[in-house]
Structures are given as structure tokens and as C-alpha cells.
Amino acid sequence: MFGRSLLLAAIALVSSLLPAQMSTLPAARAIADLFGPPKNPPIFSEMTMILQGGLQYQDTANFRGPVAAVEREENQSTSQNPEPYHTKTMLKFDGDGHLIQRTDEGALGTSITTNIWEHGRLQSQTVAHHRNDGRLADWNEWQRWSYDTNGRLMEFKAGRDKEEMNDYVNFRYDSKGRPLGYELYAQTLTEISYEGNKITLSRLQKYQGRKFFEQVQVVDDKNRVIDLKVSDLSAGQLKLWYHVTFKYDDKGRVIEQNTDPFKLGDGDDYSPLPSSIATVSPPRYEFLMHPVRSEPQETCSLILRRIKPPRILEAWSGK
């Protein structure tokens, strides 16, 4: 389905990194995370059930005071995997706490992400990839951001090597600074509307004017998504893909997901499980930090060791 594949493959757009909670992922985020509509909480699906044995965590790190660099290693034991893996991540930050370089090393190869900031705004990002087995030639992915005098995003470009693959233009905002829409150049239009606590995001083919995707969020007084309806194009008509609701605890963590029933096995591995899922245990990790003095900031070595995988404690079908 056209809308569904676009949603899953959407190229990165926007993110801001705060020194209090620095994202250790590349700064660009999926287009669905464009500021305005709040980010949807993680959805438990057939695919996430399959990946229960994999490492799943929010890739952020909180530091007390300024940090210049972090080195993190992840080791898997043979009891967890007969073919254990070892990965190493090195992060470098500037004096304002912005991530300026990330290096990821693993058995398959190495990637180096370089971010360039100006006046606190991300201007460009380049990711250089190298495979150890030599089956693919080295390649670079790149993103570029342009802003207006008020610091609002006006254009975003992305590509691979010398080829430009995406160009988002014509960003519009309301008087509150919320995005009202933007265009994937000469291809699709995205329109965003706000009505009370309901936020609707629609995507249309630019020249045909046909809507092929719609997301309707209902948020609570803390701007958390409590009701989500997603529709896309199926057999030439816009049809409901899934409807899911969420409940949170006092710390803002999802403790229950309820999804309208639908038929399993139709290829929608990323669709929410058609049932009620409650009490999801978060992954537990042991963090070992070894600060090393490096004036005027600190360099820290961070070792992440997995203790226990995340798991669903209780799930049942129906309402």
C-alpha cells in the first residue's frame, strides 16, 4: 500500500538535542516526528514480539554537567546468543552539549556520523558507511537543514553520495509556531490541522490531490497520545488501517495498549497487536561509567551490559 510503505520508509527530518538528555542516535528523525504532532508511543506488534530477544531501549543518555565524549561497549554472552556480538559506540559533543560525531563499530562494519551545528541549530549531517567484508563500496548518506530568520525549518534535503533523494519545502506554520504542512517536492503534500485536543495529519498526492494517508491523534493535557487512528489507501480507497489507545502511569510510561480487532497474517507485521496488552516490563540495564578528567570538560567511558530483555507480562484478546 502506497501510504503504508511511505510511512515506514519516510526519510529523516528534524530533532533537537538538549544537554540534559542528549540523544545518542543520529540527530535526524523520521518525518513522523516533525515537531507539532506529538510522537506516537511505541506500538507492540508482531514485529516487536519477534524482536523480544533483541536489545531495545531508548538511545539517550543523561549526564550531570558538561561531557566531551562517551565511549560505550555492548557485549552479549553465549548464554544469550550462541553467536554473541560486540559493538562499540563513541560519542563526541561540543561545548553546548550538541552531538558532533558518533562512531559505531561492529562485526559487519563501521559508520561515522558527523553533525554540523550553527547558532544551536543542526545544519548538516553526514553518515559515512564502511562494510568489513567488502561486499559493498563505501557510501555516504547526507541531510541538510535550512531555517528562516525565526529559526523555523524551511527546507530539508537528503541524499546518498552525489544523488539528492528527498527535498522537503514550503513549510507553513500557524501563529503559535505549530507546523501546518510541507511538501515533498513535486510529489506529496502534508497537511496538519488542530481542533481542541485532536491533531490530524494528512498526506496527499500533489497533482492528483488524492489523500493516501491520514493520522488522527487525540492527546491528553500532557500532550501524550491517548487515541490513535491511522488510515491509508487500500484498493483505491482510504480505509482505517488500525485504531489503538494508550494508558500511562504517573511517570508517563505506557502501561496498556488496546487495539481494535483485525485479521492476523495479512502482512501487517508492524500493525498493533489486535488485543489488550498491559503491564509491559521495561528492559533493565547496568551502567558502568568511568569518568576521566579532560579539562575543561570530562570524558567518560560508558559500558552497557544487558541484564534482562523487555517482555510483555500480560496480554489478552478482545475488549
C-alpha atoms as a PDB file:
ATOM      1  CA  MET A   1       0.000   0.000   0.000  1.00  0.00           C
ATOM      2  CA  PHE A   2       1.401   3.352  -1.091  1.00  0.00           C
ATOM      3  CA  GLY A   3       0.749   5.289   2.118  1.00  0.00           C
ATOM      4  CA  ARG A   4       1.897   2.480   4.350  1.00  0.00           C
ATOM      5  CA  SER A   5       5.200   1.974   2.584  1.00  0.00           C
ATOM      6  CA  LEU A   6       5.848   5.736   2.598  1.00  0.00           C
ATOM      7  CA  LEU A   7       5.214   5.896   6.340  1.00  0.00           C
ATOM      8  CA  LEU A   8       7.625   3.049   7.085  1.00  0.00           C
ATOM      9  CA  ALA A   9      10.332   4.338   4.744  1.00  0.00           C
ATOM     10  CA  ALA A  10       9.961   8.078   5.392  1.00  0.00           C
ATOM     11  CA  ILE A  11      13.287   9.897   5.394  1.00  0.00           C
ATOM     12  CA  ALA A  12      14.563  11.823   8.395  1.00  0.00           C
ATOM     13  CA  LEU A  13      13.668  15.415   9.166  1.00  0.00           C
ATOM     14  CA  VAL A  14      14.042  17.163  12.495  1.00  0.00           C
ATOM     15  CA  SER A  15      15.334  16.758  16.022  1.00  0.00           C
ATOM     16  CA  SER A  16      16.692  18.961  18.791  1.00  0.00           C
ATOM     17  CA  LEU A  17      19.313  17.772  21.271  1.00  0.00           C
ATOM     18  CA  LEU A  18      19.179  19.096  24.812  1.00  0.00           C
ATOM     19  CA  PRO A  19      22.245  18.880  27.074  1.00  0.00           C
ATOM     20  CA  ALA A  20      20.061  17.459  29.878  1.00  0.00           C
ATOM     21  CA  GLN A  21      19.112  14.445  27.779  1.00  0.00           C
ATOM     22  CA  MET A  22      21.353  14.011  24.776  1.00  0.00           C
ATOM     23  CA  SER A  23      20.146  11.742  22.027  1.00  0.00           C
ATOM     24  CA  THR A  24      22.884   9.338  21.062  1.00  0.00           C
ATOM     25  CA  LEU A  25      21.206   8.461  17.773  1.00  0.00           C
ATOM     26  CA  PRO A  26      21.887  10.476  14.628  1.00  0.00           C
ATOM     27  CA  ALA A  27      20.134  13.785  15.142  1.00  0.00           C
ATOM     28  CA  ALA A  28      17.739  13.393  12.210  1.00  0.00           C
ATOM     29  CA  ARG A  29      14.422  11.711  12.931  1.00  0.00           C
ATOM     30  CA  ALA A  30      11.610  10.172  10.893  1.00  0.00           C
ATOM     31  CA  ILE A  31       9.269  12.618   9.222  1.00  0.00           C
ATOM     32  CA  ALA A  32       6.519  11.449  11.560  1.00  0.00           C
ATOM     33  CA  ASP A  33       8.493  13.033  14.415  1.00  0.00           C
ATOM     34  CA  LEU A  34       8.335  16.562  12.995  1.00  0.00           C
ATOM     35  CA  PHE A  35       7.644  18.895  15.910  1.00  0.00           C
ATOM     36  CA  GLY A  36       3.953  19.755  16.179  1.00  0.00           C
ATOM     37  CA  PRO A  37       2.060  16.470  16.271  1.00  0.00           C
ATOM     38  CA  PRO A  38       3.429  14.592  19.315  1.00  0.00           C
ATOM     39  CA  LYS A  39       5.370  11.417  18.766  1.00  0.00           C
ATOM     40  CA  ASN A  40       3.283   8.256  18.967  1.00  0.00           C
ATOM     41  CA  PRO A  41       4.318   5.899  21.786  1.00  0.00           C
ATOM     42  CA  PRO A  42       5.961   2.567  20.912  1.00  0.00           C
ATOM     43  CA  ILE A  43       3.408   0.148  19.485  1.00  0.00           C
ATOM     44  CA  PHE A  44       3.542  -3.561  20.299  1.00  0.00           C
ATOM     45  CA  SER A  45       3.110  -5.574  17.111  1.00  0.00           C
ATOM     46  CA  GLU A  46       4.011  -8.957  15.652  1.00  0.00           C
ATOM     47  CA  MET A  47       7.372  -7.495  14.683  1.00  0.00           C
ATOM     48  CA  THR A  48       8.168  -6.256  18.191  1.00  0.00           C
ATOM     49  CA  MET A  49       7.156  -9.655  19.542  1.00  0.00           C
ATOM     50  CA  ILE A  50       9.648 -11.256  17.138  1.00  0.00           C
ATOM     51  CA  LEU A  51      12.328  -8.830  18.320  1.00  0.00           C
ATOM     52  CA  GLN A  52      11.772  -9.509  22.032  1.00  0.00           C
ATOM     53  CA  GLY A  53      15.143 -11.244  22.122  1.00  0.00           C
ATOM     54  CA  GLY A  54      16.885  -8.165  20.752  1.00  0.00           C
ATOM     55  CA  LEU A  55      18.204  -5.166  22.582  1.00  0.00           C
ATOM     56  CA  GLN A  56      15.501  -2.495  22.806  1.00  0.00           C
ATOM     57  CA  TYR A  57      15.989   0.741  24.687  1.00  0.00           C
ATOM     58  CA  GLN A  58      15.700   4.473  24.247  1.00  0.00           C
ATOM     59  CA  ASP A  59      19.083   5.539  22.968  1.00  0.00           C
ATOM     60  CA  THR A  60      19.583   8.577  25.166  1.00  0.00           C
ATOM     61  CA  ALA A  61      21.975   9.365  27.960  1.00  0.00           C
ATOM     62  CA  ASN A  62      21.648  11.763  30.887  1.00  0.00           C
ATOM     63  CA  PHE A  63      24.784  13.458  32.147  1.00  0.00           C
ATOM     64  CA  ARG A  64      25.366  15.633  35.190  1.00  0.00           C
ATOM     65  CA  GLY A  65      27.371  18.527  33.890  1.00  0.00           C
ATOM     66  CA  PRO A  66      29.157  19.005  30.555  1.00  0.00           C
ATOM     67  CA  VAL A  67      30.561  15.961  28.773  1.00  0.00           C
ATOM     68  CA  ALA A  68      33.084  15.979  25.932  1.00  0.00           C
ATOM     69  CA  ALA A  69      33.000  12.327  24.917  1.00  0.00           C
ATOM     70  CA  VAL A  70      31.461   8.968  25.789  1.00  0.00           C
ATOM     71  CA  GLU A  71      32.594   5.502  24.848  1.00  0.00           C
ATOM     72  CA  ARG A  72      30.066   2.691  25.131  1.00  0.00           C
ATOM     73  CA  GLU A  73      30.503  -1.037  24.578  1.00  0.00           C
ATOM     74  CA  GLU A  74      27.838  -3.710  24.404  1.00  0.00           C
ATOM     75  CA  ASN A  75      28.733  -7.351  24.872  1.00  0.00           C
ATOM     76  CA  GLN A  76      26.446 -10.344  24.541  1.00  0.00           C
ATOM     77  CA  SER A  77      27.178 -13.601  26.327  1.00  0.00           C
ATOM     78  CA  THR A  78      26.912 -17.075  24.812  1.00  0.00           C
ATOM     79  CA  SER A  79      24.003 -17.761  27.174  1.00  0.00           C
ATOM     80  CA  GLN A  80      22.058 -15.029  25.401  1.00  0.00           C
ATOM     81  CA  ASN A  81      23.138 -15.895  21.866  1.00  0.00           C
ATOM     82  CA  PRO A  82      25.203 -18.827  20.514  1.00  0.00           C
ATOM     83  CA  GLU A  83      26.905 -16.266  18.275  1.00  0.00           C
ATOM     84  CA  PRO A  84      27.368 -13.324  20.666  1.00  0.00           C
ATOM     85  CA  TYR A  85      28.109  -9.909  19.259  1.00  0.00           C
ATOM     86  CA  HIS A  86      30.218  -7.000  20.389  1.00  0.00           C
ATOM     87  CA  THR A  87      29.577  -3.378  19.429  1.00  0.00           C
ATOM     88  CA  LYS A  88      31.343  -0.181  20.327  1.00  0.00           C
ATOM     89  CA  THR A  89      29.987   3.368  20.120  1.00  0.00           C
ATOM     90  CA  MET A  90      31.990   6.548  20.583  1.00  0.00           C
ATOM     91  CA  LEU A  91      30.246   9.904  21.002  1.00  0.00           C
ATOM     92  CA  LYS A  92      31.706  13.406  20.892  1.00  0.00           C
ATOM     93  CA  PHE A  93      29.920  16.589  21.985  1.00  0.00           C
ATOM     94  CA  ASP A  94      30.677  20.283  21.565  1.00  0.00           C
ATOM     95  CA  GLY A  95      30.746  22.855  24.363  1.00  0.00           C
ATOM     96  CA  ASP A  96      26.992  23.407  24.062  1.00  0.00           C
ATOM     97  CA  GLY A  97      26.203  19.726  24.540  1.00  0.00           C
ATOM     98  CA  HIS A  98      25.415  19.030  20.879  1.00  0.00           C
ATOM     99  CA  LEU A  99      26.392  15.675  19.420  1.00  0.00           C
ATOM    100  CA  ILE A 100      29.017  16.418  16.749  1.00  0.00           C
ATOM    101  CA  GLN A 101      30.295  12.926  15.969  1.00  0.00           C
ATOM    102  CA  ARG A 102      29.171   9.351  16.531  1.00  0.00           C
ATOM    103  CA  THR A 103      31.216   6.295  15.562  1.00  0.00           C
ATOM    104  CA  ASP A 104      29.615   2.834  15.567  1.00  0.00           C
ATOM    105  CA  GLU A 105      31.835  -0.237  15.225  1.00  0.00           C
ATOM    106  CA  GLY A 106      30.620  -3.811  14.870  1.00  0.00           C
ATOM    107  CA  ALA A 107      31.381  -7.098  13.175  1.00  0.00           C
ATOM    108  CA  LEU A 108      29.772  -6.009   9.900  1.00  0.00           C
ATOM    109  CA  GLY A 109      31.452  -2.645   9.620  1.00  0.00           C
ATOM    110  CA  THR A 110      31.742   0.949  10.787  1.00  0.00           C
ATOM    111  CA  SER A 111      29.624   4.074  10.408  1.00  0.00           C
ATOM    112  CA  ILE A 112      30.696   7.608  11.314  1.00  0.00           C
ATOM    113  CA  THR A 113      28.052  10.307  11.773  1.00  0.00           C
ATOM    114  CA  THR A 114      29.168  13.943  11.640  1.00  0.00           C
ATOM    115  CA  ASN A 115      26.822  16.777  12.656  1.00  0.00           C
ATOM    116  CA  ILE A 116      27.420  20.477  11.997  1.00  0.00           C
ATOM    117  CA  TRP A 117      25.611  22.999  14.215  1.00  0.00           C
ATOM    118  CA  GLU A 118      25.218  26.764  13.917  1.00  0.00           C
ATOM    119  CA  HIS A 119      23.501  29.008  16.460  1.00  0.00           C
ATOM    120  CA  GLY A 120      22.139  25.917  18.206  1.00  0.00           C
ATOM    121  CA  ARG A 121      20.507  24.520  15.065  1.00  0.00           C
ATOM    122  CA  LEU A 122      21.522  21.436  13.136  1.00  0.00           C
ATOM    123  CA  GLN A 123      22.721  22.474   9.662  1.00  0.00           C
ATOM    124  CA  SER A 124      24.013  19.252   8.154  1.00  0.00           C
ATOM    125  CA  GLN A 125      24.590  15.607   8.907  1.00  0.00           C
ATOM    126  CA  THR A 126      26.772  13.131   7.023  1.00  0.00           C
ATOM    127  CA  VAL A 127      26.962   9.405   7.732  1.00  0.00           C
ATOM    128  CA  ALA A 128      29.936   7.538   6.211  1.00  0.00           C
ATOM    129  CA  HIS A 129      29.419   3.757   5.922  1.00  0.00           C
ATOM    130  CA  HIS A 130      32.031   1.026   5.539  1.00  0.00           C
ATOM    131  CA  ARG A 131      31.491  -2.747   5.372  1.00  0.00           C
ATOM    132  CA  ASN A 132      34.260  -5.016   6.618  1.00  0.00           C
ATOM    133  CA  ASP A 133      33.511  -7.803   4.151  1.00  0.00           C
ATOM    134  CA  GLY A 134      33.990  -5.524   1.149  1.00  0.00           C
ATOM    135  CA  ARG A 135      30.750  -6.656  -0.488  1.00  0.00           C
ATOM    136  CA  LEU A 136      29.618  -3.057  -0.848  1.00  0.00           C
ATOM    137  CA  ALA A 137      31.654   0.002  -1.703  1.00  0.00           C
ATOM    138  CA  ASP A 138      31.807   2.706   0.944  1.00  0.00           C
ATOM    139  CA  TRP A 139      28.924   5.177   0.735  1.00  0.00           C
ATOM    140  CA  ASN A 140      27.732   8.393   2.375  1.00  0.00           C
ATOM    141  CA  GLU A 141      24.260   9.487   3.423  1.00  0.00           C
ATOM    142  CA  TRP A 142      23.641  13.199   3.960  1.00  0.00           C
ATOM    143  CA  GLN A 143      20.973  15.617   5.210  1.00  0.00           C
ATOM    144  CA  ARG A 144      20.795  19.421   5.071  1.00  0.00           C
ATOM    145  CA  TRP A 145      18.535  21.807   7.035  1.00  0.00           C
ATOM    146  CA  SER A 146      17.634  25.439   6.187  1.00  0.00           C
ATOM    147  CA  TYR A 147      15.830  27.855   8.533  1.00  0.00           C
ATOM    148  CA  ASP A 148      14.137  31.247   8.350  1.00  0.00           C
ATOM    149  CA  THR A 149      15.097  34.263  10.479  1.00  0.00           C
ATOM    150  CA  ASN A 150      12.821  32.985  13.278  1.00  0.00           C
ATOM    151  CA  GLY A 151      14.654  29.681  13.407  1.00  0.00           C
ATOM    152  CA  ARG A 152      11.824  27.715  11.829  1.00  0.00           C
ATOM    153  CA  LEU A 153      12.613  24.917   9.405  1.00  0.00           C
ATOM    154  CA  MET A 154      12.044  25.998   5.791  1.00  0.00           C
ATOM    155  CA  GLU A 155      13.721  23.273   3.742  1.00  0.00           C
ATOM    156  CA  PHE A 156      15.189  19.828   4.304  1.00  0.00           C
ATOM    157  CA  LYS A 157      17.221  17.854   1.766  1.00  0.00           C
ATOM    158  CA  ALA A 158      18.582  14.323   1.951  1.00  0.00           C
ATOM    159  CA  GLY A 159      20.519  12.057  -0.358  1.00  0.00           C
ATOM    160  CA  ARG A 160      23.186   9.442  -0.889  1.00  0.00           C
ATOM    161  CA  ASP A 161      26.624  10.276  -2.220  1.00  0.00           C
ATOM    162  CA  LYS A 162      26.042  12.830  -5.017  1.00  0.00           C
ATOM    163  CA  GLU A 163      22.376  11.945  -5.556  1.00  0.00           C
ATOM    164  CA  GLU A 164      19.625  14.038  -3.956  1.00  0.00           C
ATOM    165  CA  MET A 165      16.790  11.714  -2.946  1.00  0.00           C
ATOM    166  CA  ASN A 166      14.396  13.918  -0.968  1.00  0.00           C
ATOM    167  CA  ASP A 167      13.642  17.629  -0.843  1.00  0.00           C
ATOM    168  CA  TYR A 168      11.046  18.931   1.641  1.00  0.00           C
ATOM    169  CA  VAL A 169       9.961  22.524   1.011  1.00  0.00           C
ATOM    170  CA  ASN A 170       7.148  25.044   1.622  1.00  0.00           C
ATOM    171  CA  PHE A 171       6.897  24.609   5.389  1.00  0.00           C
ATOM    172  CA  ARG A 172       3.941  26.525   6.833  1.00  0.00           C
ATOM    173  CA  TYR A 173       3.272  27.485  10.469  1.00  0.00           C
ATOM    174  CA  ASP A 174       0.412  28.982  12.475  1.00  0.00           C
ATOM    175  CA  SER A 175       0.630  31.920  14.896  1.00  0.00           C
ATOM    176  CA  LYS A 176       1.679  29.521  17.687  1.00  0.00           C
ATOM    177  CA  GLY A 177       4.603  28.232  15.664  1.00  0.00           C
ATOM    178  CA  ARG A 178       2.983  24.844  15.027  1.00  0.00           C
ATOM    179  CA  PRO A 179       3.537  23.309  11.568  1.00  0.00           C
ATOM    180  CA  LEU A 180       0.553  23.390   9.240  1.00  0.00           C
ATOM    181  CA  GLY A 181       2.130  21.490   6.383  1.00  0.00           C
ATOM    182  CA  TYR A 182       5.010  20.991   3.993  1.00  0.00           C
ATOM    183  CA  GLU A 183       5.742  19.451   0.592  1.00  0.00           C
ATOM    184  CA  LEU A 184       7.913  16.601  -0.610  1.00  0.00           C
ATOM    185  CA  TYR A 185       8.969  18.496  -3.709  1.00  0.00           C
ATOM    186  CA  ALA A 186       6.703  17.806  -6.702  1.00  0.00           C
ATOM    187  CA  GLN A 187       5.419  14.585  -5.116  1.00  0.00           C
ATOM    188  CA  THR A 188       3.285  14.798  -1.964  1.00  0.00           C
ATOM    189  CA  LEU A 189       1.706  17.382   0.331  1.00  0.00           C
ATOM    190  CA  THR A 190       1.396  17.024   4.106  1.00  0.00           C
ATOM    191  CA  GLU A 191      -1.344  18.988   5.879  1.00  0.00           C
ATOM    192  CA  ILE A 192      -1.724  19.290   9.655  1.00  0.00           C
ATOM    193  CA  SER A 193      -4.772  20.653  11.487  1.00  0.00           C
ATOM    194  CA  TYR A 194      -5.563  21.209  15.179  1.00  0.00           C
ATOM    195  CA  GLU A 195      -9.022  21.024  16.743  1.00  0.00           C
ATOM    196  CA  GLY A 196      -9.058  21.068  20.542  1.00  0.00           C
ATOM    197  CA  ASN A 197      -7.107  18.021  21.661  1.00  0.00           C
ATOM    198  CA  LYS A 198      -7.353  16.370  18.213  1.00  0.00           C
ATOM    199  CA  ILE A 199      -4.488  16.607  15.702  1.00  0.00           C
ATOM    200  CA  THR A 200      -4.967  15.399  12.129  1.00  0.00           C
ATOM    201  CA  LEU A 201      -2.089  14.787   9.726  1.00  0.00           C
ATOM    202  CA  SER A 202      -2.978  14.046   6.091  1.00  0.00           C
ATOM    203  CA  ARG A 203      -0.827  13.251   3.075  1.00  0.00           C
ATOM    204  CA  LEU A 204      -1.962  13.864  -0.492  1.00  0.00           C
ATOM    205  CA  GLN A 205      -0.547  13.286  -3.949  1.00  0.00           C
ATOM    206  CA  LYS A 206       0.380  16.784  -5.096  1.00  0.00           C
ATOM    207  CA  TYR A 207      -1.007  16.867  -8.611  1.00  0.00           C
ATOM    208  CA  GLN A 208      -3.850  14.337  -8.304  1.00  0.00           C
ATOM    209  CA  GLY A 209      -4.969  15.843  -4.983  1.00  0.00           C
ATOM    210  CA  ARG A 210      -5.868  12.379  -3.683  1.00  0.00           C
ATOM    211  CA  LYS A 211      -5.406  11.679   0.025  1.00  0.00           C
ATOM    212  CA  PHE A 212      -3.483   8.453   0.596  1.00  0.00           C
ATOM    213  CA  PHE A 213      -2.706   8.642   4.325  1.00  0.00           C
ATOM    214  CA  GLU A 214      -4.324  10.073   7.447  1.00  0.00           C
ATOM    215  CA  GLN A 215      -3.337  10.028  11.112  1.00  0.00           C
ATOM    216  CA  VAL A 216      -5.730  11.288  13.789  1.00  0.00           C
ATOM    217  CA  GLN A 217      -4.336  11.716  17.293  1.00  0.00           C
ATOM    218  CA  VAL A 218      -6.196  12.579  20.487  1.00  0.00           C
ATOM    219  CA  VAL A 219      -3.891  13.892  23.219  1.00  0.00           C
ATOM    220  CA  ASP A 220      -4.313  14.383  26.962  1.00  0.00           C
ATOM    221  CA  ASP A 221      -3.471  17.509  28.971  1.00  0.00           C
ATOM    222  CA  LYS A 222       0.206  16.467  28.968  1.00  0.00           C
ATOM    223  CA  ASN A 223       0.247  16.246  25.158  1.00  0.00           C
ATOM    224  CA  ARG A 224       0.513  12.436  25.243  1.00  0.00           C
ATOM    225  CA  VAL A 225      -1.271  10.397  22.577  1.00  0.00           C
ATOM    226  CA  ILE A 226      -4.166   8.505  24.144  1.00  0.00           C
ATOM    227  CA  ASP A 227      -6.081   7.611  20.967  1.00  0.00           C
ATOM    228  CA  LEU A 228      -4.616   6.975  17.509  1.00  0.00           C
ATOM    229  CA  LYS A 229      -6.354   6.191  14.221  1.00  0.00           C
ATOM    230  CA  VAL A 230      -4.293   5.534  11.105  1.00  0.00           C
ATOM    231  CA  SER A 231      -5.812   5.152   7.639  1.00  0.00           C
ATOM    232  CA  ASP A 232      -4.153   4.525   4.289  1.00  0.00           C
ATOM    233  CA  LEU A 233      -5.017   3.766   0.679  1.00  0.00           C
ATOM    234  CA  SER A 234      -6.321   0.253   0.067  1.00  0.00           C
ATOM    235  CA  ALA A 235      -7.958  -0.896  -3.170  1.00  0.00           C
ATOM    236  CA  GLY A 236      -8.207   2.720  -4.262  1.00  0.00           C
ATOM    237  CA  GLN A 237      -9.963   3.930  -1.102  1.00  0.00           C
ATOM    238  CA  LEU A 238      -8.791   5.471   2.158  1.00  0.00           C
ATOM    239  CA  LYS A 239      -9.542   2.851   4.814  1.00  0.00           C
ATOM    240  CA  LEU A 240      -8.798   2.507   8.514  1.00  0.00           C
ATOM    241  CA  TRP A 241      -5.541   0.628   8.978  1.00  0.00           C
ATOM    242  CA  TYR A 242      -5.668   0.431  12.768  1.00  0.00           C
ATOM    243  CA  HIS A 243      -7.128   2.101  15.860  1.00  0.00           C
ATOM    244  CA  VAL A 244      -5.194   1.921  19.130  1.00  0.00           C
ATOM    245  CA  THR A 245      -5.499   3.590  22.539  1.00  0.00           C
ATOM    246  CA  PHE A 246      -2.912   4.022  25.293  1.00  0.00           C
ATOM    247  CA  LYS A 247      -2.848   4.405  29.073  1.00  0.00           C
ATOM    248  CA  TYR A 248       0.098   5.786  31.062  1.00  0.00           C
ATOM    249  CA  ASP A 249       1.421   5.570  34.607  1.00  0.00           C
ATOM    250  CA  ASP A 250       2.383   8.582  36.736  1.00  0.00           C
ATOM    251  CA  LYS A 251       5.853   8.557  35.149  1.00  0.00           C
ATOM    252  CA  GLY A 252       4.479   8.836  31.622  1.00  0.00           C
ATOM    253  CA  ARG A 253       5.222   5.229  30.647  1.00  0.00           C
ATOM    254  CA  VAL A 254       2.729   3.250  28.580  1.00  0.00           C
ATOM    255  CA  ILE A 255       1.128   0.579  30.763  1.00  0.00           C
ATOM    256  CA  GLU A 256      -1.704  -0.519  28.493  1.00  0.00           C
ATOM    257  CA  GLN A 257      -2.380  -0.707  24.762  1.00  0.00           C
ATOM    258  CA  ASN A 258      -5.797  -1.566  23.337  1.00  0.00           C
ATOM    259  CA  THR A 259      -6.251  -2.262  19.639  1.00  0.00           C
ATOM    260  CA  ASP A 260      -9.385  -2.851  17.593  1.00  0.00           C
ATOM    261  CA  PRO A 261      -9.534  -6.446  16.291  1.00  0.00           C
ATOM    262  CA  PHE A 262      -8.256  -7.232  12.801  1.00  0.00           C
ATOM    263  CA  LYS A 263      -7.156 -10.332  10.934  1.00  0.00           C
ATOM    264  CA  LEU A 264      -3.641 -11.524  11.672  1.00  0.00           C
ATOM    265  CA  GLY A 265      -1.402 -12.888   8.963  1.00  0.00           C
ATOM    266  CA  ASP A 266      -2.249 -10.283   6.329  1.00  0.00           C
ATOM    267  CA  GLY A 267       1.305  -8.959   6.171  1.00  0.00           C
ATOM    268  CA  ASP A 268       0.857  -6.097   8.614  1.00  0.00           C
ATOM    269  CA  ASP A 269       3.742  -7.086  10.855  1.00  0.00           C
ATOM    270  CA  TYR A 270       4.066  -3.516  12.107  1.00  0.00           C
ATOM    271  CA  SER A 271       0.361  -3.152  12.972  1.00  0.00           C
ATOM    272  CA  PRO A 272      -0.527  -3.071  16.675  1.00  0.00           C
ATOM    273  CA  LEU A 273      -1.441  -6.442  18.134  1.00  0.00           C
ATOM    274  CA  PRO A 274      -5.265  -6.796  17.990  1.00  0.00           C
ATOM    275  CA  SER A 275      -5.800  -7.208  21.707  1.00  0.00           C
ATOM    276  CA  SER A 276      -5.271  -5.588  25.078  1.00  0.00           C
ATOM    277  CA  ILE A 277      -1.679  -5.566  26.289  1.00  0.00           C
ATOM    278  CA  ALA A 278      -0.974  -4.472  29.835  1.00  0.00           C
ATOM    279  CA  THR A 279       1.930  -4.163  32.255  1.00  0.00           C
ATOM    280  CA  VAL A 280       4.900  -4.125  29.935  1.00  0.00           C
ATOM    281  CA  SER A 281       8.135  -4.644  31.816  1.00  0.00           C
ATOM    282  CA  PRO A 282      10.906  -2.288  30.658  1.00  0.00           C
ATOM    283  CA  PRO A 283      14.404  -3.571  29.859  1.00  0.00           C
ATOM    284  CA  ARG A 284      16.883  -3.390  32.709  1.00  0.00           C
ATOM    285  CA  TYR A 285      20.483  -2.392  32.190  1.00  0.00           C
ATOM    286  CA  GLU A 286      23.586  -1.994  34.261  1.00  0.00           C
ATOM    287  CA  PHE A 287      25.548   1.168  33.563  1.00  0.00           C
ATOM    288  CA  LEU A 288      29.217   1.386  34.482  1.00  0.00           C
ATOM    289  CA  MET A 289      30.705   4.856  33.986  1.00  0.00           C
ATOM    290  CA  HIS A 290      34.376   5.655  34.372  1.00  0.00           C
ATOM    291  CA  PRO A 291      34.954   9.449  34.239  1.00  0.00           C
ATOM    292  CA  VAL A 292      38.353  10.596  33.023  1.00  0.00           C
ATOM    293  CA  ARG A 293      39.310  14.209  33.676  1.00  0.00           C
ATOM    294  CA  SER A 294      39.828  16.170  30.457  1.00  0.00           C
ATOM    295  CA  GLU A 295      39.782  19.899  31.117  1.00  0.00           C
ATOM    296  CA  PRO A 296      37.626  21.871  30.768  1.00  0.00           C
ATOM    297  CA  GLN A 297      35.152  19.013  30.337  1.00  0.00           C
ATOM    298  CA  GLU A 298      35.022  15.355  31.225  1.00  0.00           C
ATOM    299  CA  THR A 299      35.466  12.300  29.037  1.00  0.00           C
ATOM    300  CA  CYS A 300      33.516   9.283  30.227  1.00  0.00           C
ATOM    301  CA  SER A 301      33.684   5.627  29.347  1.00  0.00           C
ATOM    302  CA  LEU A 302      30.246   4.033  29.479  1.00  0.00           C
ATOM    303  CA  ILE A 303      29.791   0.274  29.387  1.00  0.00           C
ATOM    304  CA  LEU A 304      26.255  -1.021  28.822  1.00  0.00           C
ATOM    305  CA  ARG A 305      25.522  -4.564  29.904  1.00  0.00           C
ATOM    306  CA  ARG A 306      22.142  -6.071  29.324  1.00  0.00           C
ATOM    307  CA  ILE A 307      20.616  -7.776  32.360  1.00  0.00           C
ATOM    308  CA  LYS A 308      17.153  -8.716  31.252  1.00  0.00           C
ATOM    309  CA  PRO A 309      15.229  -8.405  27.980  1.00  0.00           C
ATOM    310  CA  PRO A 310      11.941  -6.482  27.848  1.00  0.00           C
ATOM    311  CA  ARG A 311       8.884  -8.699  27.877  1.00  0.00           C
ATOM    312  CA  ILE A 312       5.122  -8.453  27.820  1.00  0.00           C
ATOM    313  CA  LEU A 313       3.812  -9.698  31.137  1.00  0.00           C
ATOM    314  CA  GLU A 314       0.165  -9.991  30.230  1.00  0.00           C
ATOM    315  CA  ALA A 315      -1.851  -9.931  27.016  1.00  0.00           C
ATOM    316  CA  TRP A 316      -5.351 -10.974  26.122  1.00  0.00           C
ATOM    317  CA  SER A 317      -7.602 -10.849  23.083  1.00  0.00           C
ATOM    318  CA  GLY A 318     -10.799  -8.886  22.782  1.00  0.00           C
ATOM    319  CA  LYS A 319     -12.070  -5.957  24.776  1.00  0.00           C
END
